Amino acid sequence: MSRVNDVGGQTGFGALEIDREEPPFHADWEARVFALNSVLVRNGVYRLDELRDAVERMDPQTYLATSYYERWLMAIETLLTERRVLGER
């Protein structure tokens, strides 16, 4: 089954443009999400492939309406809730 993020082989998305001058983070909170994920993976709370899967499980409307690091943050919340590190939202 194809998920919303699985666009490989599809047409109509145009050429991939890479801006080499773009900063890795556009806001401080994005750097914090990156750091939080790094700490959680390093400490064995979850694996990086599990983060990717949690992002890919997002409903299509939410996935398309959120930024890259917003997706990471939502995936982290999902994984921590599933592991009962966080309470239900």
C-alpha atoms as a PDB file:
ATOM      1  CA  MET A   1       0.000   0.000   0.000  1.00  0.00           C
ATOM      2  CA  SER A   2       1.319   3.400  -0.982  1.00  0.00           C
ATOM      3  CA  ARG A   3       1.483   6.164   1.639  1.00  0.00           C
ATOM      4  CA  VAL A   4       1.252   9.924   1.034  1.00  0.00           C
ATOM      5  CA  ASN A   5       5.021  10.368   1.312  1.00  0.00           C
ATOM      6  CA  ASP A   6       5.723   7.614  -1.240  1.00  0.00           C
ATOM      7  CA  VAL A   7       6.044   9.637  -4.443  1.00  0.00           C
ATOM      8  CA  GLY A   8       8.854   7.625  -6.019  1.00  0.00           C
ATOM      9  CA  GLY A   9       8.171   6.971  -9.676  1.00  0.00           C
ATOM     10  CA  GLN A  10       5.252   9.382  -9.798  1.00  0.00           C
ATOM     11  CA  THR A  11       5.183  12.256 -12.245  1.00  0.00           C
ATOM     12  CA  GLY A  12       3.964  15.825 -11.987  1.00  0.00           C
ATOM     13  CA  PHE A  13       6.089  17.018  -9.085  1.00  0.00           C
ATOM     14  CA  GLY A  14       8.593  18.943 -11.209  1.00  0.00           C
ATOM     15  CA  ALA A  15      12.356  19.016 -10.957  1.00  0.00           C
ATOM     16  CA  LEU A  16      14.070  18.671  -7.603  1.00  0.00           C
ATOM     17  CA  GLU A  17      15.716  21.940  -6.690  1.00  0.00           C
ATOM     18  CA  ILE A  18      18.450  21.979  -4.051  1.00  0.00           C
ATOM     19  CA  ASP A  19      19.346  25.304  -2.473  1.00  0.00           C
ATOM     20  CA  ARG A  20      22.866  24.856  -1.126  1.00  0.00           C
ATOM     21  CA  GLU A  21      22.633  28.200   0.704  1.00  0.00           C
ATOM     22  CA  GLU A  22      19.580  27.197   2.728  1.00  0.00           C
ATOM     23  CA  PRO A  23      20.306  26.806   6.465  1.00  0.00           C
ATOM     24  CA  PRO A  24      19.705  23.386   8.039  1.00  0.00           C
ATOM     25  CA  PHE A  25      17.214  24.919  10.490  1.00  0.00           C
ATOM     26  CA  HIS A  26      14.884  27.846   9.908  1.00  0.00           C
ATOM     27  CA  ALA A  27      14.066  28.319  13.596  1.00  0.00           C
ATOM     28  CA  ASP A  28      15.588  27.381  16.949  1.00  0.00           C
ATOM     29  CA  TRP A  29      12.767  24.937  17.703  1.00  0.00           C
ATOM     30  CA  GLU A  30      13.700  22.870  14.638  1.00  0.00           C
ATOM     31  CA  ALA A  31      17.240  22.430  15.962  1.00  0.00           C
ATOM     32  CA  ARG A  32      15.779  21.384  19.319  1.00  0.00           C
ATOM     33  CA  VAL A  33      13.560  18.749  17.680  1.00  0.00           C
ATOM     34  CA  PHE A  34      16.603  17.419  15.819  1.00  0.00           C
ATOM     35  CA  ALA A  35      18.587  17.285  19.081  1.00  0.00           C
ATOM     36  CA  LEU A  36      15.718  15.657  20.976  1.00  0.00           C
ATOM     37  CA  ASN A  37      15.420  12.960  18.330  1.00  0.00           C
ATOM     38  CA  SER A  38      19.175  12.371  18.421  1.00  0.00           C
ATOM     39  CA  VAL A  39      19.146  11.898  22.206  1.00  0.00           C
ATOM     40  CA  LEU A  40      16.151   9.557  22.119  1.00  0.00           C
ATOM     41  CA  VAL A  41      17.688   7.387  19.380  1.00  0.00           C
ATOM     42  CA  ARG A  42      21.099   7.354  21.074  1.00  0.00           C
ATOM     43  CA  ASN A  43      19.491   6.255  24.354  1.00  0.00           C
ATOM     44  CA  GLY A  44      17.538   3.435  22.731  1.00  0.00           C
ATOM     45  CA  VAL A  45      14.061   4.856  23.292  1.00  0.00           C
ATOM     46  CA  TYR A  46      13.328   4.111  19.637  1.00  0.00           C
ATOM     47  CA  ARG A  47      15.218   3.496  16.411  1.00  0.00           C
ATOM     48  CA  LEU A  48      15.537   5.953  13.541  1.00  0.00           C
ATOM     49  CA  ASP A  49      13.536   3.681  11.239  1.00  0.00           C
ATOM     50  CA  GLU A  50      10.720   3.789  13.783  1.00  0.00           C
ATOM     51  CA  LEU A  51      10.687   7.587  13.567  1.00  0.00           C
ATOM     52  CA  ARG A  52      10.436   7.338   9.785  1.00  0.00           C
ATOM     53  CA  ASP A  53       7.571   4.854  10.105  1.00  0.00           C
ATOM     54  CA  ALA A  54       5.742   7.136  12.556  1.00  0.00           C
ATOM     55  CA  VAL A  55       6.055  10.016  10.071  1.00  0.00           C
ATOM     56  CA  GLU A  56       4.790   7.785   7.286  1.00  0.00           C
ATOM     57  CA  ARG A  57       1.779   6.705   9.379  1.00  0.00           C
ATOM     58  CA  MET A  58       0.502  10.277   9.614  1.00  0.00           C
ATOM     59  CA  ASP A  59      -2.808  10.868   7.889  1.00  0.00           C
ATOM     60  CA  PRO A  60      -2.294  12.419   4.448  1.00  0.00           C
ATOM     61  CA  GLN A  61      -3.932  15.765   5.276  1.00  0.00           C
ATOM     62  CA  THR A  62      -1.717  16.308   8.309  1.00  0.00           C
ATOM     63  CA  TYR A  63       1.395  15.121   6.482  1.00  0.00           C
ATOM     64  CA  LEU A  64       0.858  17.555   3.620  1.00  0.00           C
ATOM     65  CA  ALA A  65      -0.041  20.470   5.935  1.00  0.00           C
ATOM     66  CA  THR A  66       3.033  20.240   8.181  1.00  0.00           C
ATOM     67  CA  SER A  67       6.682  21.115   7.761  1.00  0.00           C
ATOM     68  CA  TYR A  68       9.560  18.641   7.891  1.00  0.00           C
ATOM     69  CA  TYR A  69      10.389  19.166  11.574  1.00  0.00           C
ATOM     70  CA  GLU A  70       6.724  19.464  12.560  1.00  0.00           C
ATOM     71  CA  ARG A  71       6.377  15.918  11.206  1.00  0.00           C
ATOM     72  CA  TRP A  72       9.385  14.833  13.261  1.00  0.00           C
ATOM     73  CA  LEU A  73       7.903  16.370  16.414  1.00  0.00           C
ATOM     74  CA  MET A  74       4.539  14.712  15.846  1.00  0.00           C
ATOM     75  CA  ALA A  75       6.269  11.378  15.192  1.00  0.00           C
ATOM     76  CA  ILE A  76       8.326  11.736  18.399  1.00  0.00           C
ATOM     77  CA  GLU A  77       5.122  12.426  20.349  1.00  0.00           C
ATOM     78  CA  THR A  78       3.485   9.389  18.758  1.00  0.00           C
ATOM     79  CA  LEU A  79       6.396   7.080  19.587  1.00  0.00           C
ATOM     80  CA  LEU A  80       6.727   8.342  23.165  1.00  0.00           C
ATOM     81  CA  THR A  81       2.987   7.918  23.688  1.00  0.00           C
ATOM     82  CA  GLU A  82       3.042   4.401  22.220  1.00  0.00           C
ATOM     83  CA  ARG A  83       5.901   3.493  24.572  1.00  0.00           C
ATOM     84  CA  ARG A  84       4.038   5.072  27.498  1.00  0.00           C
ATOM     85  CA  VAL A  85       6.860   7.560  28.107  1.00  0.00           C
ATOM     86  CA  LEU A  86       4.239  10.291  27.615  1.00  0.00           C
ATOM     87  CA  GLY A  87       0.600  10.153  28.642  1.00  0.00           C
ATOM     88  CA  GLU A  88      -2.212  10.157  26.103  1.00  0.00           C
ATOM     89  CA  ARG A  89      -2.754  13.470  24.334  1.00  0.00           C
END
